[in-house]
Amino acid sequence: MKFENCRDCREEVVWWAFTADICMTLFKGILGLMSGSVALVADSLHSGADVVASGVTQLSLKISNKPADERYPFGYGNIQYISSAIVGSLLLIGASFLMYGSVVKLISGTYEAPSIFAALGASVTVIVNELMYRYQICVGNENNSPAIIANAWDNRSDAISSAAVMVGVIASVIGFPIADTIAAIGVSALVGRIGLELIGKAVHGLMDSSVDTELLQTAWQIATDTPLVHSIYFLRGRHVGEDVQFDIRLRVDPNLRIKDSSMVAEAVRQRIQEEIPHARDIRLFVSPAPAAVTVRV
């Protein structure tokens, strides 16, 4: 990991996000009602969904920490993909309601220019959400956590939507009152797209997608470079929540004793765990290499 306290940040980051989302929901909601900004009120509903999303993420992290048992021998890591899908679904549902309400206002012509204070509120939320995104994406990447990464992108979508609100409010104030409602429609489209992407990535993870080719090549190279390993005849890897699992079948010198073959396999396991981040479960199958056959003529 990049920093020594990355693991500690994993336990703290969602609580910080949860607190920030509650504050942003109240701040944008109250300011939106006071200033008359439809887009800012809609953006506060987005933050309200973030509060639920942060709670779901925190729960999924707690469950994923449980050790493997008889019921789930591969552990509980995939719960984080389910969490990511829930966050994406919340964003998609919220975006749909936001889009519907904004389009109705646009068609009916019931829109007014909000107060300039709405732009000030939007600028504050842009800064806060961008900082939370950078914090969470760092923690998520360092811990290989799909749930935290999903929550980080949720904050990034909030930052972008608040920026759109700010532009819409400023345009409304200077003489284009329709801009606030158009900004709300743009925000809903952006949020819906991010929701769909999160759902797609979650489904991809739940289907036991393979790890990147580069990672497989690294594992292959580590194994073949280990002394007494003759060859590799099978290798695959998959993501399970934060962890990376490998299935490796290798051949060793046929003259080795079973005990020595096990020691070679353990050496391969230790090297992979040391050199590949988040490699937790490495299943190794060892067999003797075919003996050379001499053909006499």
C-alpha atoms as a PDB file:
ATOM      1  CA  MET A   1       0.000   0.000   0.000  1.00  0.00           C
ATOM      2  CA  LYS A   2       1.037   3.583  -0.633  1.00  0.00           C
ATOM      3  CA  PHE A   3       0.729   4.655   3.022  1.00  0.00           C
ATOM      4  CA  GLU A   4       0.991   2.736   6.287  1.00  0.00           C
ATOM      5  CA  ASN A   5      -2.410   3.909   7.520  1.00  0.00           C
ATOM      6  CA  CYS A   6      -4.363   2.898   4.370  1.00  0.00           C
ATOM      7  CA  ARG A   7      -5.954   0.002   6.242  1.00  0.00           C
ATOM      8  CA  ASP A   8      -7.027   2.331   9.066  1.00  0.00           C
ATOM      9  CA  CYS A   9      -8.518   4.738   6.523  1.00  0.00           C
ATOM     10  CA  ARG A  10     -10.630   1.869   5.190  1.00  0.00           C
ATOM     11  CA  GLU A  11     -12.454   1.726   8.530  1.00  0.00           C
ATOM     12  CA  GLU A  12     -12.856   5.506   8.821  1.00  0.00           C
ATOM     13  CA  VAL A  13     -13.555   6.748   5.307  1.00  0.00           C
ATOM     14  CA  VAL A  14     -17.220   5.725   5.092  1.00  0.00           C
ATOM     15  CA  TRP A  15     -18.021   7.416   8.402  1.00  0.00           C
ATOM     16  CA  TRP A  16     -16.493  10.633   7.084  1.00  0.00           C
ATOM     17  CA  ALA A  17     -18.509  10.266   3.868  1.00  0.00           C
ATOM     18  CA  PHE A  18     -21.668   9.530   5.855  1.00  0.00           C
ATOM     19  CA  THR A  19     -21.219  12.673   7.961  1.00  0.00           C
ATOM     20  CA  ALA A  20     -20.398  14.836   4.937  1.00  0.00           C
ATOM     21  CA  ASP A  21     -23.444  13.566   3.019  1.00  0.00           C
ATOM     22  CA  ILE A  22     -25.802  14.358   5.917  1.00  0.00           C
ATOM     23  CA  CYS A  23     -24.371  17.880   6.192  1.00  0.00           C
ATOM     24  CA  MET A  24     -24.609  18.438   2.427  1.00  0.00           C
ATOM     25  CA  THR A  25     -28.200  17.150   2.288  1.00  0.00           C
ATOM     26  CA  LEU A  26     -29.330  19.591   4.977  1.00  0.00           C
ATOM     27  CA  PHE A  27     -27.211  22.477   3.653  1.00  0.00           C
ATOM     28  CA  LYS A  28     -28.386  22.193   0.035  1.00  0.00           C
ATOM     29  CA  GLY A  29     -31.995  21.420   0.953  1.00  0.00           C
ATOM     30  CA  ILE A  30     -32.393  24.420   3.281  1.00  0.00           C
ATOM     31  CA  LEU A  31     -30.496  26.794   0.993  1.00  0.00           C
ATOM     32  CA  GLY A  32     -32.381  25.541  -2.062  1.00  0.00           C
ATOM     33  CA  LEU A  33     -35.762  26.204  -0.424  1.00  0.00           C
ATOM     34  CA  MET A  34     -34.670  29.625   0.832  1.00  0.00           C
ATOM     35  CA  SER A  35     -33.197  30.690  -2.523  1.00  0.00           C
ATOM     36  CA  GLY A  36     -35.902  29.138  -4.707  1.00  0.00           C
ATOM     37  CA  SER A  37     -33.503  26.937  -6.711  1.00  0.00           C
ATOM     38  CA  VAL A  38     -35.186  23.812  -8.061  1.00  0.00           C
ATOM     39  CA  ALA A  39     -31.829  22.419  -9.163  1.00  0.00           C
ATOM     40  CA  LEU A  40     -30.294  22.849  -5.693  1.00  0.00           C
ATOM     41  CA  VAL A  41     -33.268  21.166  -4.013  1.00  0.00           C
ATOM     42  CA  ALA A  42     -32.972  18.293  -6.499  1.00  0.00           C
ATOM     43  CA  ASP A  43     -29.247  18.120  -5.753  1.00  0.00           C
ATOM     44  CA  SER A  44     -30.038  17.837  -2.037  1.00  0.00           C
ATOM     45  CA  LEU A  45     -32.179  14.779  -2.810  1.00  0.00           C
ATOM     46  CA  HIS A  46     -29.142  13.327  -4.581  1.00  0.00           C
ATOM     47  CA  SER A  47     -27.129  13.850  -1.384  1.00  0.00           C
ATOM     48  CA  GLY A  48     -29.941  12.213   0.583  1.00  0.00           C
ATOM     49  CA  ALA A  49     -29.507   9.125  -1.569  1.00  0.00           C
ATOM     50  CA  ASP A  50     -25.788   9.344  -0.799  1.00  0.00           C
ATOM     51  CA  VAL A  51     -26.571   9.074   2.921  1.00  0.00           C
ATOM     52  CA  VAL A  52     -28.350   5.784   2.274  1.00  0.00           C
ATOM     53  CA  ALA A  53     -25.534   4.678  -0.046  1.00  0.00           C
ATOM     54  CA  SER A  54     -22.882   5.394   2.600  1.00  0.00           C
ATOM     55  CA  GLY A  55     -24.862   3.370   5.132  1.00  0.00           C
ATOM     56  CA  VAL A  56     -25.105   0.442   2.719  1.00  0.00           C
ATOM     57  CA  THR A  57     -21.368   0.682   2.013  1.00  0.00           C
ATOM     58  CA  GLN A  58     -20.498   0.681   5.710  1.00  0.00           C
ATOM     59  CA  LEU A  59     -22.653  -2.404   6.275  1.00  0.00           C
ATOM     60  CA  SER A  60     -21.090  -4.217   3.313  1.00  0.00           C
ATOM     61  CA  LEU A  61     -17.550  -3.493   4.563  1.00  0.00           C
ATOM     62  CA  LYS A  62     -18.453  -4.879   7.976  1.00  0.00           C
ATOM     63  CA  ILE A  63     -19.904  -8.057   6.457  1.00  0.00           C
ATOM     64  CA  SER A  64     -16.999  -8.522   4.034  1.00  0.00           C
ATOM     65  CA  ASN A  65     -14.599  -8.584   7.001  1.00  0.00           C
ATOM     66  CA  LYS A  66     -16.149 -11.840   8.249  1.00  0.00           C
ATOM     67  CA  PRO A  67     -13.881 -14.848   7.766  1.00  0.00           C
ATOM     68  CA  ALA A  68     -14.800 -17.674   5.414  1.00  0.00           C
ATOM     69  CA  ASP A  69     -16.988 -20.399   6.905  1.00  0.00           C
ATOM     70  CA  GLU A  70     -18.747 -23.607   5.856  1.00  0.00           C
ATOM     71  CA  ARG A  71     -21.589 -21.720   4.195  1.00  0.00           C
ATOM     72  CA  TYR A  72     -19.321 -19.312   2.289  1.00  0.00           C
ATOM     73  CA  PRO A  73     -15.946 -21.064   1.916  1.00  0.00           C
ATOM     74  CA  PHE A  74     -14.625 -18.272  -0.339  1.00  0.00           C
ATOM     75  CA  GLY A  75     -15.486 -15.545   2.151  1.00  0.00           C
ATOM     76  CA  TYR A  76     -17.941 -12.651   2.075  1.00  0.00           C
ATOM     77  CA  GLY A  77     -15.994 -10.323  -0.227  1.00  0.00           C
ATOM     78  CA  ASN A  78     -18.608 -10.305  -3.012  1.00  0.00           C
ATOM     79  CA  ILE A  79     -21.033  -8.476  -0.719  1.00  0.00           C
ATOM     80  CA  GLN A  80     -19.195  -5.347  -1.804  1.00  0.00           C
ATOM     81  CA  TYR A  81     -20.350  -5.835  -5.384  1.00  0.00           C
ATOM     82  CA  ILE A  82     -23.923  -6.097  -4.111  1.00  0.00           C
ATOM     83  CA  SER A  83     -23.359  -2.860  -2.204  1.00  0.00           C
ATOM     84  CA  SER A  84     -22.048  -1.223  -5.361  1.00  0.00           C
ATOM     85  CA  ALA A  85     -25.149  -2.351  -7.271  1.00  0.00           C
ATOM     86  CA  ILE A  86     -27.429  -0.922  -4.557  1.00  0.00           C
ATOM     87  CA  VAL A  87     -25.623   2.429  -4.703  1.00  0.00           C
ATOM     88  CA  GLY A  88     -25.959   2.439  -8.493  1.00  0.00           C
ATOM     89  CA  SER A  89     -29.671   1.583  -8.275  1.00  0.00           C
ATOM     90  CA  LEU A  90     -30.290   4.405  -5.800  1.00  0.00           C
ATOM     91  CA  LEU A  91     -28.566   6.855  -8.117  1.00  0.00           C
ATOM     92  CA  LEU A  92     -30.588   5.612 -11.096  1.00  0.00           C
ATOM     93  CA  ILE A  93     -33.922   5.823  -9.249  1.00  0.00           C
ATOM     94  CA  GLY A  94     -33.126   9.271  -7.855  1.00  0.00           C
ATOM     95  CA  ALA A  95     -32.086  10.492 -11.302  1.00  0.00           C
ATOM     96  CA  SER A  96     -35.339   9.237 -12.817  1.00  0.00           C
ATOM     97  CA  PHE A  97     -37.498  11.169 -10.335  1.00  0.00           C
ATOM     98  CA  LEU A  98     -35.288  14.254 -10.722  1.00  0.00           C
ATOM     99  CA  MET A  99     -35.572  14.082 -14.518  1.00  0.00           C
ATOM    100  CA  TYR A 100     -39.346  13.637 -14.419  1.00  0.00           C
ATOM    101  CA  GLY A 101     -39.939  16.592 -12.095  1.00  0.00           C
ATOM    102  CA  SER A 102     -37.650  18.882 -14.079  1.00  0.00           C
ATOM    103  CA  VAL A 103     -39.212  17.996 -17.436  1.00  0.00           C
ATOM    104  CA  VAL A 104     -42.711  18.643 -16.033  1.00  0.00           C
ATOM    105  CA  LYS A 105     -41.608  22.102 -14.868  1.00  0.00           C
ATOM    106  CA  LEU A 106     -39.996  22.793 -18.216  1.00  0.00           C
ATOM    107  CA  ILE A 107     -43.129  21.838 -20.157  1.00  0.00           C
ATOM    108  CA  SER A 108     -45.500  23.714 -17.853  1.00  0.00           C
ATOM    109  CA  GLY A 109     -43.270  26.790 -17.766  1.00  0.00           C
ATOM    110  CA  THR A 110     -43.417  27.036 -13.962  1.00  0.00           C
ATOM    111  CA  TYR A 111     -39.842  28.112 -13.344  1.00  0.00           C
ATOM    112  CA  GLU A 112     -38.326  31.187 -11.719  1.00  0.00           C
ATOM    113  CA  ALA A 113     -34.845  32.611 -11.304  1.00  0.00           C
ATOM    114  CA  PRO A 114     -33.402  31.653  -7.867  1.00  0.00           C
ATOM    115  CA  SER A 115     -31.332  33.796  -5.535  1.00  0.00           C
ATOM    116  CA  ILE A 116     -27.588  34.166  -6.138  1.00  0.00           C
ATOM    117  CA  PHE A 117     -27.065  32.506  -2.747  1.00  0.00           C
ATOM    118  CA  ALA A 118     -27.932  29.211  -4.442  1.00  0.00           C
ATOM    119  CA  ALA A 119     -24.760  29.545  -6.541  1.00  0.00           C
ATOM    120  CA  LEU A 120     -22.730  30.093  -3.369  1.00  0.00           C
ATOM    121  CA  GLY A 121     -24.210  26.953  -1.821  1.00  0.00           C
ATOM    122  CA  ALA A 122     -23.494  24.930  -4.959  1.00  0.00           C
ATOM    123  CA  SER A 123     -19.862  26.086  -5.031  1.00  0.00           C
ATOM    124  CA  VAL A 124     -19.369  24.964  -1.421  1.00  0.00           C
ATOM    125  CA  THR A 125     -20.777  21.513  -2.166  1.00  0.00           C
ATOM    126  CA  VAL A 126     -18.556  21.178  -5.262  1.00  0.00           C
ATOM    127  CA  ILE A 127     -15.467  21.666  -3.101  1.00  0.00           C
ATOM    128  CA  VAL A 128     -16.609  19.353  -0.291  1.00  0.00           C
ATOM    129  CA  ASN A 129     -17.677  16.527  -2.603  1.00  0.00           C
ATOM    130  CA  GLU A 130     -14.534  16.720  -4.730  1.00  0.00           C
ATOM    131  CA  LEU A 131     -12.393  16.465  -1.588  1.00  0.00           C
ATOM    132  CA  MET A 132     -14.434  13.472  -0.397  1.00  0.00           C
ATOM    133  CA  TYR A 133     -14.058  11.861  -3.839  1.00  0.00           C
ATOM    134  CA  ARG A 134     -10.265  12.207  -3.772  1.00  0.00           C
ATOM    135  CA  TYR A 135     -10.086  10.836  -0.234  1.00  0.00           C
ATOM    136  CA  GLN A 136     -12.339   7.846  -0.938  1.00  0.00           C
ATOM    137  CA  ILE A 137     -10.867   6.950  -4.338  1.00  0.00           C
ATOM    138  CA  CYS A 138      -7.408   6.843  -2.747  1.00  0.00           C
ATOM    139  CA  VAL A 139      -8.611   4.570   0.078  1.00  0.00           C
ATOM    140  CA  GLY A 140     -10.685   2.441  -2.303  1.00  0.00           C
ATOM    141  CA  ASN A 141      -7.846   1.884  -4.773  1.00  0.00           C
ATOM    142  CA  GLU A 142      -5.267   1.146  -2.087  1.00  0.00           C
ATOM    143  CA  ASN A 143      -7.587  -1.395  -0.424  1.00  0.00           C
ATOM    144  CA  ASN A 144      -9.005  -2.679  -3.743  1.00  0.00           C
ATOM    145  CA  SER A 145     -12.525  -2.081  -2.399  1.00  0.00           C
ATOM    146  CA  PRO A 146     -15.327  -1.891  -5.018  1.00  0.00           C
ATOM    147  CA  ALA A 147     -17.756  -0.597  -2.373  1.00  0.00           C
ATOM    148  CA  ILE A 148     -15.554   2.360  -1.378  1.00  0.00           C
ATOM    149  CA  ILE A 149     -14.715   3.110  -5.028  1.00  0.00           C
ATOM    150  CA  ALA A 150     -18.453   3.147  -5.834  1.00  0.00           C
ATOM    151  CA  ASN A 151     -19.057   5.550  -2.961  1.00  0.00           C
ATOM    152  CA  ALA A 152     -16.192   7.736  -4.199  1.00  0.00           C
ATOM    153  CA  TRP A 153     -17.759   8.008  -7.651  1.00  0.00           C
ATOM    154  CA  ASP A 154     -21.020   8.845  -5.951  1.00  0.00           C
ATOM    155  CA  ASN A 155     -19.276  11.874  -4.426  1.00  0.00           C
ATOM    156  CA  ARG A 156     -17.719  12.768  -7.785  1.00  0.00           C
ATOM    157  CA  SER A 157     -21.194  12.700  -9.370  1.00  0.00           C
ATOM    158  CA  ASP A 158     -22.364  15.007  -6.580  1.00  0.00           C
ATOM    159  CA  ALA A 159     -19.495  17.407  -7.285  1.00  0.00           C
ATOM    160  CA  ILE A 160     -20.247  17.483 -11.019  1.00  0.00           C
ATOM    161  CA  SER A 161     -23.992  17.879 -10.461  1.00  0.00           C
ATOM    162  CA  SER A 162     -23.378  20.741  -8.016  1.00  0.00           C
ATOM    163  CA  ALA A 163     -21.141  22.403 -10.627  1.00  0.00           C
ATOM    164  CA  ALA A 164     -23.974  22.123 -13.147  1.00  0.00           C
ATOM    165  CA  VAL A 165     -26.362  23.610 -10.571  1.00  0.00           C
ATOM    166  CA  MET A 166     -23.976  26.505 -10.000  1.00  0.00           C
ATOM    167  CA  VAL A 167     -23.783  27.271 -13.722  1.00  0.00           C
ATOM    168  CA  GLY A 168     -27.572  27.014 -14.050  1.00  0.00           C
ATOM    169  CA  VAL A 169     -28.192  29.315 -11.087  1.00  0.00           C
ATOM    170  CA  ILE A 170     -25.763  31.961 -12.353  1.00  0.00           C
ATOM    171  CA  ALA A 171     -27.362  31.825 -15.821  1.00  0.00           C
ATOM    172  CA  SER A 172     -30.819  32.154 -14.244  1.00  0.00           C
ATOM    173  CA  VAL A 173     -29.811  35.157 -12.162  1.00  0.00           C
ATOM    174  CA  ILE A 174     -28.346  37.056 -15.117  1.00  0.00           C
ATOM    175  CA  GLY A 175     -31.528  36.728 -17.183  1.00  0.00           C
ATOM    176  CA  PHE A 176     -32.175  33.103 -18.205  1.00  0.00           C
ATOM    177  CA  PRO A 177     -34.569  31.673 -15.554  1.00  0.00           C
ATOM    178  CA  ILE A 178     -35.047  28.470 -17.554  1.00  0.00           C
ATOM    179  CA  ALA A 179     -31.364  27.593 -17.003  1.00  0.00           C
ATOM    180  CA  ASP A 180     -31.965  26.385 -13.426  1.00  0.00           C
ATOM    181  CA  THR A 181     -34.465  23.771 -14.614  1.00  0.00           C
ATOM    182  CA  ILE A 182     -32.266  22.758 -17.558  1.00  0.00           C
ATOM    183  CA  ALA A 183     -29.377  22.303 -15.115  1.00  0.00           C
ATOM    184  CA  ALA A 184     -31.559  19.969 -13.050  1.00  0.00           C
ATOM    185  CA  ILE A 185     -32.264  17.874 -16.162  1.00  0.00           C
ATOM    186  CA  GLY A 186     -28.552  17.731 -16.994  1.00  0.00           C
ATOM    187  CA  VAL A 187     -27.746  16.683 -13.433  1.00  0.00           C
ATOM    188  CA  SER A 188     -30.284  13.857 -13.549  1.00  0.00           C
ATOM    189  CA  ALA A 189     -28.883  12.529 -16.846  1.00  0.00           C
ATOM    190  CA  LEU A 190     -25.341  12.530 -15.463  1.00  0.00           C
ATOM    191  CA  VAL A 191     -26.337  10.855 -12.203  1.00  0.00           C
ATOM    192  CA  GLY A 192     -28.324   8.197 -14.071  1.00  0.00           C
ATOM    193  CA  ARG A 193     -25.321   7.383 -16.259  1.00  0.00           C
ATOM    194  CA  ILE A 194     -23.054   6.926 -13.246  1.00  0.00           C
ATOM    195  CA  GLY A 195     -25.683   4.684 -11.635  1.00  0.00           C
ATOM    196  CA  LEU A 196     -25.821   2.461 -14.720  1.00  0.00           C
ATOM    197  CA  GLU A 197     -22.020   2.205 -14.811  1.00  0.00           C
ATOM    198  CA  LEU A 198     -21.866   1.141 -11.158  1.00  0.00           C
ATOM    199  CA  ILE A 199     -24.539  -1.502 -11.705  1.00  0.00           C
ATOM    200  CA  GLY A 200     -22.673  -2.816 -14.753  1.00  0.00           C
ATOM    201  CA  LYS A 201     -19.378  -3.078 -12.852  1.00  0.00           C
ATOM    202  CA  ALA A 202     -21.104  -4.825  -9.950  1.00  0.00           C
ATOM    203  CA  VAL A 203     -22.656  -7.420 -12.264  1.00  0.00           C
ATOM    204  CA  HIS A 204     -19.249  -7.882 -13.905  1.00  0.00           C
ATOM    205  CA  GLY A 205     -17.693  -8.572 -10.494  1.00  0.00           C
ATOM    206  CA  LEU A 206     -20.450 -10.940  -9.348  1.00  0.00           C
ATOM    207  CA  MET A 207     -19.951 -12.979 -12.509  1.00  0.00           C
ATOM    208  CA  ASP A 208     -16.389 -13.758 -11.294  1.00  0.00           C
ATOM    209  CA  SER A 209     -14.694 -11.749 -14.016  1.00  0.00           C
ATOM    210  CA  SER A 210     -11.030 -12.506 -14.622  1.00  0.00           C
ATOM    211  CA  VAL A 211      -8.285 -10.247 -13.360  1.00  0.00           C
ATOM    212  CA  ASP A 212      -6.330  -8.131 -15.846  1.00  0.00           C
ATOM    213  CA  THR A 213      -4.021  -9.958 -18.256  1.00  0.00           C
ATOM    214  CA  GLU A 214      -1.039  -8.039 -16.848  1.00  0.00           C
ATOM    215  CA  LEU A 215      -1.755  -9.444 -13.395  1.00  0.00           C
ATOM    216  CA  LEU A 216      -1.957 -12.991 -14.727  1.00  0.00           C
ATOM    217  CA  GLN A 217       1.331 -12.482 -16.558  1.00  0.00           C
ATOM    218  CA  THR A 218       2.936 -11.252 -13.341  1.00  0.00           C
ATOM    219  CA  ALA A 219       1.727 -14.326 -11.429  1.00  0.00           C
ATOM    220  CA  TRP A 220       2.944 -16.569 -14.261  1.00  0.00           C
ATOM    221  CA  GLN A 221       6.397 -14.969 -14.241  1.00  0.00           C
ATOM    222  CA  ILE A 222       6.704 -15.218 -10.452  1.00  0.00           C
ATOM    223  CA  ALA A 223       5.805 -18.894 -10.510  1.00  0.00           C
ATOM    224  CA  THR A 224       8.088 -19.855 -13.393  1.00  0.00           C
ATOM    225  CA  ASP A 225      11.011 -17.931 -11.852  1.00  0.00           C
ATOM    226  CA  THR A 226      10.726 -19.896  -8.613  1.00  0.00           C
ATOM    227  CA  PRO A 227      13.514 -22.505  -8.306  1.00  0.00           C
ATOM    228  CA  LEU A 228      12.568 -26.124  -9.121  1.00  0.00           C
ATOM    229  CA  VAL A 229       9.350 -25.123 -10.914  1.00  0.00           C
ATOM    230  CA  HIS A 230       9.403 -26.898 -14.270  1.00  0.00           C
ATOM    231  CA  SER A 231       6.378 -25.252 -15.941  1.00  0.00           C
ATOM    232  CA  ILE A 232       2.866 -23.831 -15.468  1.00  0.00           C
ATOM    233  CA  TYR A 233       0.040 -25.591 -17.285  1.00  0.00           C
ATOM    234  CA  PHE A 234      -2.991 -23.774 -15.849  1.00  0.00           C
ATOM    235  CA  LEU A 235      -3.527 -20.291 -14.404  1.00  0.00           C
ATOM    236  CA  ARG A 236      -6.586 -18.208 -13.731  1.00  0.00           C
ATOM    237  CA  GLY A 237      -7.514 -15.404 -11.357  1.00  0.00           C
ATOM    238  CA  ARG A 238     -10.656 -13.658 -10.210  1.00  0.00           C
ATOM    239  CA  HIS A 239     -11.755 -10.787  -8.004  1.00  0.00           C
ATOM    240  CA  VAL A 240     -13.652 -11.555  -4.791  1.00  0.00           C
ATOM    241  CA  GLY A 241     -14.479  -8.200  -3.258  1.00  0.00           C
ATOM    242  CA  GLU A 242     -11.197  -6.598  -2.229  1.00  0.00           C
ATOM    243  CA  ASP A 243      -9.189  -9.799  -2.706  1.00  0.00           C
ATOM    244  CA  VAL A 244      -7.641 -11.439  -5.750  1.00  0.00           C
ATOM    245  CA  GLN A 245      -7.749 -15.230  -5.967  1.00  0.00           C
ATOM    246  CA  PHE A 246      -5.526 -17.430  -8.141  1.00  0.00           C
ATOM    247  CA  ASP A 247      -5.770 -21.034  -9.251  1.00  0.00           C
ATOM    248  CA  ILE A 248      -2.356 -22.267 -10.362  1.00  0.00           C
ATOM    249  CA  ARG A 249      -1.303 -25.714 -11.522  1.00  0.00           C
ATOM    250  CA  LEU A 250       2.405 -26.187 -11.803  1.00  0.00           C
ATOM    251  CA  ARG A 251       4.812 -28.969 -12.604  1.00  0.00           C
ATOM    252  CA  VAL A 252       7.996 -29.586 -10.645  1.00  0.00           C
ATOM    253  CA  ASP A 253      11.050 -31.765 -11.082  1.00  0.00           C
ATOM    254  CA  PRO A 254       9.793 -35.388 -11.157  1.00  0.00           C
ATOM    255  CA  ASN A 255      12.647 -36.459  -8.875  1.00  0.00           C
ATOM    256  CA  LEU A 256      11.448 -34.263  -5.980  1.00  0.00           C
ATOM    257  CA  ARG A 257       9.907 -35.832  -2.914  1.00  0.00           C
ATOM    258  CA  ILE A 258       6.337 -34.879  -1.959  1.00  0.00           C
ATOM    259  CA  LYS A 259       7.611 -32.830   0.980  1.00  0.00           C
ATOM    260  CA  ASP A 260       9.988 -30.879  -1.247  1.00  0.00           C
ATOM    261  CA  SER A 261       7.264 -30.318  -3.846  1.00  0.00           C
ATOM    262  CA  SER A 262       5.048 -28.807  -1.131  1.00  0.00           C
ATOM    263  CA  MET A 263       7.871 -26.487  -0.126  1.00  0.00           C
ATOM    264  CA  VAL A 264       8.199 -25.302  -3.735  1.00  0.00           C
ATOM    265  CA  ALA A 265       4.467 -24.619  -3.881  1.00  0.00           C
ATOM    266  CA  GLU A 266       4.629 -22.669  -0.615  1.00  0.00           C
ATOM    267  CA  ALA A 267       7.510 -20.605  -1.993  1.00  0.00           C
ATOM    268  CA  VAL A 268       5.390 -19.716  -5.044  1.00  0.00           C
ATOM    269  CA  ARG A 269       2.468 -18.754  -2.791  1.00  0.00           C
ATOM    270  CA  GLN A 270       4.578 -16.502  -0.580  1.00  0.00           C
ATOM    271  CA  ARG A 271       6.209 -14.723  -3.530  1.00  0.00           C
ATOM    272  CA  ILE A 272       2.871 -14.013  -5.185  1.00  0.00           C
ATOM    273  CA  GLN A 273       1.377 -12.667  -1.951  1.00  0.00           C
ATOM    274  CA  GLU A 274       4.422 -10.442  -1.445  1.00  0.00           C
ATOM    275  CA  GLU A 275       4.575  -9.070  -4.986  1.00  0.00           C
ATOM    276  CA  ILE A 276       0.893  -8.825  -6.007  1.00  0.00           C
ATOM    277  CA  PRO A 277      -1.270  -6.490  -3.895  1.00  0.00           C
ATOM    278  CA  HIS A 278      -4.447  -8.014  -2.425  1.00  0.00           C
ATOM    279  CA  ALA A 279      -3.536 -11.592  -3.468  1.00  0.00           C
ATOM    280  CA  ARG A 280      -5.109 -13.482  -0.565  1.00  0.00           C
ATOM    281  CA  ASP A 281      -6.302 -16.934  -1.637  1.00  0.00           C
ATOM    282  CA  ILE A 282      -3.852 -18.817  -3.852  1.00  0.00           C
ATOM    283  CA  ARG A 283      -4.767 -22.396  -4.620  1.00  0.00           C
ATOM    284  CA  LEU A 284      -1.829 -24.408  -5.930  1.00  0.00           C
ATOM    285  CA  PHE A 285      -1.892 -27.864  -7.497  1.00  0.00           C
ATOM    286  CA  VAL A 286       1.473 -29.569  -7.922  1.00  0.00           C
ATOM    287  CA  SER A 287       2.270 -32.463 -10.216  1.00  0.00           C
ATOM    288  CA  PRO A 288       5.565 -33.937 -11.445  1.00  0.00           C
ATOM    289  CA  ALA A 289       6.801 -32.917 -14.858  1.00  0.00           C
ATOM    290  CA  PRO A 290       6.790 -35.724 -17.437  1.00  0.00           C
ATOM    291  CA  ALA A 291      10.048 -37.672 -17.348  1.00  0.00           C
ATOM    292  CA  ALA A 292      12.167 -37.373 -20.457  1.00  0.00           C
ATOM    293  CA  VAL A 293      11.833 -40.422 -22.689  1.00  0.00           C
ATOM    294  CA  THR A 294      14.910 -41.656 -24.554  1.00  0.00           C
ATOM    295  CA  VAL A 295      14.183 -43.379 -27.854  1.00  0.00           C
ATOM    296  CA  ARG A 296      16.796 -45.825 -29.049  1.00  0.00           C
ATOM    297  CA  VAL A 297      17.135 -46.509 -32.717  1.00  0.00           C
END
